Amino acid sequence: MALTPRDEFRIPILQALARYGGKRKLELLYDAIEEIMAGILTQNDMEYYQDNGRTAELKWHTSVRAERYWMVKNKPPLLLPPDPRQHGVWQWTEEGRKLYEKNC
């Protein structure tokens, strides 16, 4: 069974952020994203990547982080770029909020 395509995480990421006013640490978003994507995530998504001695990571977590990269690079950006003063905090932009409102 294939992995869920990366871009299918875009709206669920925005939905999860909306629950917290548009800003939240990634570790706290995972549960909301998983709940939103119940019935969409595949069995393969729920498997772990094995990385020679490093902490294993769920495949769908990797897809979420990859989609965040593209949401920051989007023109116009949907998420703010990482802020080193707020490690791990994700925040939507005005465009991200508008996309959420259009789709939800």
N, C-alpha and C. Protein backbone atom coordinates (compact mmCIF):
# COMPACT_ATOMS: atom_id res chain seq x y z
N MET A 1 0.85 -1.18 0.00
CA MET A 1 0.00 0.00 0.00
C MET A 1 0.90 1.24 0.00
N ALA A 2 0.54 2.22 -0.78
CA ALA A 2 1.37 3.42 -0.95
C ALA A 2 1.20 4.39 0.21
N LEU A 3 2.16 5.30 0.30
CA LEU A 3 2.06 6.39 1.26
C LEU A 3 1.05 7.42 0.77
N THR A 4 0.43 8.11 1.70
CA THR A 4 -0.45 9.22 1.34
C THR A 4 0.40 10.31 0.71
N PRO A 5 -0.02 10.84 -0.45
CA PRO A 5 0.77 11.90 -1.09
C PRO A 5 0.99 13.09 -0.16
N ARG A 6 2.18 13.63 -0.23
CA ARG A 6 2.58 14.73 0.65
C ARG A 6 1.59 15.89 0.64
N ASP A 7 1.12 16.28 -0.54
CA ASP A 7 0.26 17.47 -0.62
C ASP A 7 -1.12 17.25 -0.01
N GLU A 8 -1.49 16.00 0.26
CA GLU A 8 -2.77 15.74 0.93
C GLU A 8 -2.74 16.11 2.41
N PHE A 9 -1.56 16.46 2.92
CA PHE A 9 -1.44 16.88 4.31
C PHE A 9 -1.67 18.39 4.47
N ARG A 10 -1.69 19.13 3.36
CA ARG A 10 -1.76 20.60 3.40
C ARG A 10 -2.98 21.11 4.18
N ILE A 11 -4.16 20.72 3.78
CA ILE A 11 -5.37 21.22 4.45
C ILE A 11 -5.46 20.67 5.89
N PRO A 12 -5.17 19.39 6.14
CA PRO A 12 -5.18 18.92 7.53
C PRO A 12 -4.20 19.68 8.44
N ILE A 13 -3.05 20.08 7.91
CA ILE A 13 -2.12 20.89 8.71
C ILE A 13 -2.79 22.21 9.09
N LEU A 14 -3.43 22.84 8.12
CA LEU A 14 -4.11 24.11 8.40
C LEU A 14 -5.29 23.91 9.35
N GLN A 15 -6.01 22.80 9.20
CA GLN A 15 -7.12 22.51 10.12
C GLN A 15 -6.60 22.33 11.55
N ALA A 16 -5.49 21.62 11.69
CA ALA A 16 -4.91 21.41 13.01
C ALA A 16 -4.46 22.74 13.61
N LEU A 17 -3.80 23.58 12.80
CA LEU A 17 -3.38 24.90 13.29
C LEU A 17 -4.58 25.74 13.70
N ALA A 18 -5.67 25.64 12.97
CA ALA A 18 -6.87 26.43 13.29
C ALA A 18 -7.39 26.10 14.69
N ARG A 19 -7.24 24.87 15.11
CA ARG A 19 -7.69 24.49 16.46
C ARG A 19 -6.94 25.26 17.54
N TYR A 20 -5.77 25.78 17.20
CA TYR A 20 -4.92 26.45 18.18
C TYR A 20 -4.65 27.91 17.81
N GLY A 21 -5.55 28.49 17.03
CA GLY A 21 -5.41 29.90 16.69
C GLY A 21 -4.36 30.19 15.64
N GLY A 22 -3.90 29.17 14.91
CA GLY A 22 -2.96 29.38 13.81
C GLY A 22 -1.50 29.23 14.18
N LYS A 23 -1.20 28.82 15.41
CA LYS A 23 0.20 28.70 15.84
C LYS A 23 0.30 27.59 16.89
N ARG A 24 1.29 26.68 16.69
CA ARG A 24 1.44 25.57 17.64
C ARG A 24 2.75 24.84 17.38
N LYS A 25 3.30 24.23 18.44
CA LYS A 25 4.48 23.38 18.28
C LYS A 25 4.10 22.12 17.52
N LEU A 26 4.99 21.69 16.63
CA LEU A 26 4.72 20.51 15.80
C LEU A 26 4.35 19.30 16.64
N GLU A 27 5.08 19.04 17.70
CA GLU A 27 4.81 17.85 18.51
C GLU A 27 3.37 17.82 19.01
N LEU A 28 2.79 19.00 19.21
CA LEU A 28 1.42 19.09 19.69
C LEU A 28 0.40 19.06 18.54
N LEU A 29 0.87 19.24 17.32
CA LEU A 29 -0.02 19.18 16.15
C LEU A 29 -0.24 17.76 15.66
N TYR A 30 0.72 16.88 15.89
CA TYR A 30 0.63 15.53 15.33
C TYR A 30 -0.69 14.83 15.70
N ASP A 31 -1.10 14.92 16.95
CA ASP A 31 -2.34 14.23 17.36
C ASP A 31 -3.54 14.78 16.61
N ALA A 32 -3.61 16.11 16.47
CA ALA A 32 -4.74 16.71 15.75
C ALA A 32 -4.73 16.30 14.28
N ILE A 33 -3.55 16.30 13.66
CA ILE A 33 -3.45 15.90 12.25
C ILE A 33 -3.87 14.44 12.09
N GLU A 34 -3.41 13.60 12.99
CA GLU A 34 -3.78 12.17 12.90
C GLU A 34 -5.29 12.00 13.04
N GLU A 35 -5.91 12.73 13.94
CA GLU A 35 -7.36 12.66 14.12
C GLU A 35 -8.09 13.13 12.86
N ILE A 36 -7.64 14.24 12.29
CA ILE A 36 -8.25 14.79 11.08
C ILE A 36 -8.11 13.82 9.91
N MET A 37 -6.98 13.11 9.86
CA MET A 37 -6.70 12.22 8.72
C MET A 37 -7.08 10.76 8.98
N ALA A 38 -7.82 10.52 10.05
CA ALA A 38 -8.29 9.16 10.33
C ALA A 38 -9.08 8.67 9.11
N GLY A 39 -8.79 7.48 8.67
CA GLY A 39 -9.45 6.93 7.50
C GLY A 39 -8.75 7.29 6.20
N ILE A 40 -7.79 8.21 6.24
CA ILE A 40 -7.02 8.59 5.06
C ILE A 40 -5.61 8.01 5.14
N LEU A 41 -5.01 8.07 6.33
CA LEU A 41 -3.66 7.52 6.50
C LEU A 41 -3.68 6.03 6.21
N THR A 42 -2.71 5.58 5.46
CA THR A 42 -2.63 4.17 5.09
C THR A 42 -1.84 3.39 6.13
N GLN A 43 -1.90 2.08 6.03
CA GLN A 43 -1.12 1.23 6.92
C GLN A 43 0.38 1.53 6.74
N ASN A 44 0.79 1.80 5.51
CA ASN A 44 2.18 2.13 5.24
C ASN A 44 2.58 3.45 5.90
N ASP A 45 1.66 4.44 5.93
CA ASP A 45 1.93 5.70 6.62
C ASP A 45 2.24 5.49 8.10
N MET A 46 1.62 4.46 8.67
CA MET A 46 1.75 4.21 10.11
C MET A 46 3.00 3.40 10.46
N GLU A 47 3.77 3.02 9.45
CA GLU A 47 5.02 2.30 9.70
C GLU A 47 6.14 3.29 10.02
N TYR A 48 7.20 2.76 10.59
CA TYR A 48 8.36 3.58 10.96
C TYR A 48 9.48 3.46 9.94
N TYR A 49 10.13 4.58 9.68
CA TYR A 49 11.40 4.54 8.95
C TYR A 49 12.46 4.09 9.94
N GLN A 50 13.31 3.20 9.53
CA GLN A 50 14.43 2.76 10.36
C GLN A 50 15.67 3.51 9.91
N ASP A 51 16.38 4.09 10.84
CA ASP A 51 17.51 4.94 10.47
C ASP A 51 18.74 4.61 11.30
N ASN A 52 19.39 3.51 11.00
CA ASN A 52 20.66 3.08 11.58
C ASN A 52 21.04 3.75 12.90
N GLY A 53 20.37 3.33 13.95
CA GLY A 53 20.75 3.80 15.27
C GLY A 53 20.07 5.09 15.72
N ARG A 54 19.44 5.79 14.80
CA ARG A 54 18.73 7.01 15.19
C ARG A 54 17.30 6.64 15.55
N THR A 55 16.59 7.58 16.13
CA THR A 55 15.21 7.35 16.50
C THR A 55 14.37 7.10 15.26
N ALA A 56 13.58 6.05 15.30
CA ALA A 56 12.67 5.74 14.19
C ALA A 56 11.56 6.79 14.16
N GLU A 57 11.08 7.08 12.97
CA GLU A 57 10.03 8.09 12.81
C GLU A 57 8.90 7.52 11.97
N LEU A 58 7.67 7.82 12.37
CA LEU A 58 6.53 7.41 11.56
C LEU A 58 6.63 8.05 10.18
N LYS A 59 6.30 7.27 9.17
CA LYS A 59 6.41 7.77 7.79
C LYS A 59 5.53 8.98 7.56
N TRP A 60 4.33 9.01 8.14
CA TRP A 60 3.46 10.16 7.90
C TRP A 60 3.99 11.41 8.58
N HIS A 61 4.74 11.28 9.66
CA HIS A 61 5.37 12.46 10.29
C HIS A 61 6.37 13.09 9.32
N THR A 62 7.11 12.25 8.62
CA THR A 62 8.07 12.74 7.62
C THR A 62 7.32 13.48 6.51
N SER A 63 6.18 12.95 6.09
CA SER A 63 5.39 13.60 5.04
C SER A 63 4.85 14.95 5.51
N VAL A 64 4.45 15.04 6.76
CA VAL A 64 3.96 16.31 7.31
C VAL A 64 5.07 17.35 7.28
N ARG A 65 6.26 16.97 7.71
CA ARG A 65 7.38 17.93 7.72
C ARG A 65 7.79 18.32 6.30
N ALA A 66 7.70 17.38 5.36
CA ALA A 66 8.01 17.71 3.96
C ALA A 66 6.98 18.69 3.40
N GLU A 67 5.72 18.49 3.73
CA GLU A 67 4.69 19.41 3.26
C GLU A 67 4.87 20.78 3.89
N ARG A 68 5.31 20.85 5.12
CA ARG A 68 5.56 22.15 5.75
C ARG A 68 6.61 22.92 4.95
N TYR A 69 7.66 22.23 4.52
CA TYR A 69 8.71 22.87 3.70
C TYR A 69 8.07 23.55 2.49
N TRP A 70 7.19 22.82 1.79
CA TRP A 70 6.57 23.37 0.59
C TRP A 70 5.56 24.46 0.91
N MET A 71 4.94 24.39 2.08
CA MET A 71 4.00 25.44 2.48
C MET A 71 4.73 26.75 2.77
N VAL A 72 5.96 26.64 3.27
CA VAL A 72 6.79 27.83 3.51
C VAL A 72 7.28 28.39 2.18
N LYS A 73 7.65 27.51 1.24
CA LYS A 73 8.20 27.92 -0.06
C LYS A 73 7.11 28.37 -1.04
N ASN A 74 5.85 28.05 -0.76
CA ASN A 74 4.74 28.42 -1.63
C ASN A 74 4.78 29.93 -1.91
N LYS A 75 4.29 30.32 -3.06
CA LYS A 75 4.18 31.74 -3.41
C LYS A 75 2.72 32.11 -3.54
N PRO A 76 2.15 32.85 -2.62
CA PRO A 76 2.70 33.35 -1.37
C PRO A 76 2.78 32.23 -0.32
N PRO A 77 3.65 32.38 0.67
CA PRO A 77 3.81 31.34 1.70
C PRO A 77 2.52 31.12 2.49
N LEU A 78 2.30 29.87 2.85
CA LEU A 78 1.14 29.51 3.67
C LEU A 78 1.51 29.38 5.14
N LEU A 79 2.79 29.14 5.41
CA LEU A 79 3.31 29.07 6.77
C LEU A 79 4.54 29.96 6.86
N LEU A 80 4.75 30.51 8.06
CA LEU A 80 5.96 31.30 8.28
C LEU A 80 7.18 30.40 8.29
N PRO A 81 8.34 30.91 7.85
CA PRO A 81 9.55 30.10 7.93
C PRO A 81 9.92 29.82 9.39
N PRO A 82 10.71 28.80 9.63
CA PRO A 82 11.12 28.47 11.00
C PRO A 82 11.80 29.66 11.68
N ASP A 83 11.45 29.86 12.94
CA ASP A 83 12.05 30.93 13.75
C ASP A 83 12.96 30.27 14.78
N PRO A 84 14.28 30.52 14.72
CA PRO A 84 15.19 29.85 15.66
C PRO A 84 14.90 30.19 17.12
N ARG A 85 14.20 31.27 17.37
CA ARG A 85 13.86 31.64 18.75
C ARG A 85 12.67 30.84 19.27
N GLN A 86 11.93 30.22 18.37
CA GLN A 86 10.75 29.43 18.75
C GLN A 86 10.83 28.07 18.07
N HIS A 87 11.81 27.28 18.44
CA HIS A 87 12.08 26.00 17.80
C HIS A 87 10.83 25.12 17.77
N GLY A 88 10.51 24.63 16.57
CA GLY A 88 9.42 23.68 16.41
C GLY A 88 8.03 24.30 16.32
N VAL A 89 7.93 25.62 16.39
CA VAL A 89 6.62 26.27 16.33
C VAL A 89 6.25 26.53 14.88
N TRP A 90 5.06 26.10 14.51
CA TRP A 90 4.52 26.33 13.18
C TRP A 90 3.44 27.39 13.28
N GLN A 91 3.45 28.33 12.32
CA GLN A 91 2.45 29.40 12.33
C GLN A 91 2.02 29.70 10.91
N TRP A 92 0.71 29.82 10.72
CA TRP A 92 0.24 30.13 9.38
C TRP A 92 0.39 31.61 9.08
N THR A 93 0.42 31.92 7.80
CA THR A 93 0.42 33.29 7.32
C THR A 93 -1.03 33.69 7.03
N GLU A 94 -1.23 34.92 6.64
CA GLU A 94 -2.57 35.36 6.25
C GLU A 94 -3.08 34.51 5.08
N GLU A 95 -2.19 34.17 4.14
CA GLU A 95 -2.58 33.33 3.01
C GLU A 95 -2.96 31.92 3.47
N GLY A 96 -2.24 31.40 4.45
CA GLY A 96 -2.59 30.09 5.00
C GLY A 96 -3.94 30.11 5.67
N ARG A 97 -4.23 31.18 6.41
CA ARG A 97 -5.53 31.31 7.06
C ARG A 97 -6.65 31.40 6.02
N LYS A 98 -6.40 32.16 4.95
CA LYS A 98 -7.41 32.29 3.89
C LYS A 98 -7.67 30.95 3.20
N LEU A 99 -6.61 30.17 2.96
CA LEU A 99 -6.78 28.86 2.34
C LEU A 99 -7.59 27.95 3.25
N TYR A 100 -7.30 28.00 4.54
CA TYR A 100 -8.08 27.22 5.51
C TYR A 100 -9.56 27.61 5.43
N GLU A 101 -9.85 28.90 5.46
CA GLU A 101 -11.24 29.36 5.44
C GLU A 101 -11.95 28.96 4.14
N LYS A 102 -11.22 28.98 3.04
CA LYS A 102 -11.80 28.61 1.74
C LYS A 102 -12.15 27.12 1.69
N ASN A 103 -11.36 26.29 2.35
CA ASN A 103 -11.51 24.84 2.23
C ASN A 103 -12.21 24.18 3.42
N CYS A 104 -12.48 24.93 4.44
CA CYS A 104 -13.06 24.29 5.65
C CYS A 104 -14.32 24.94 6.07
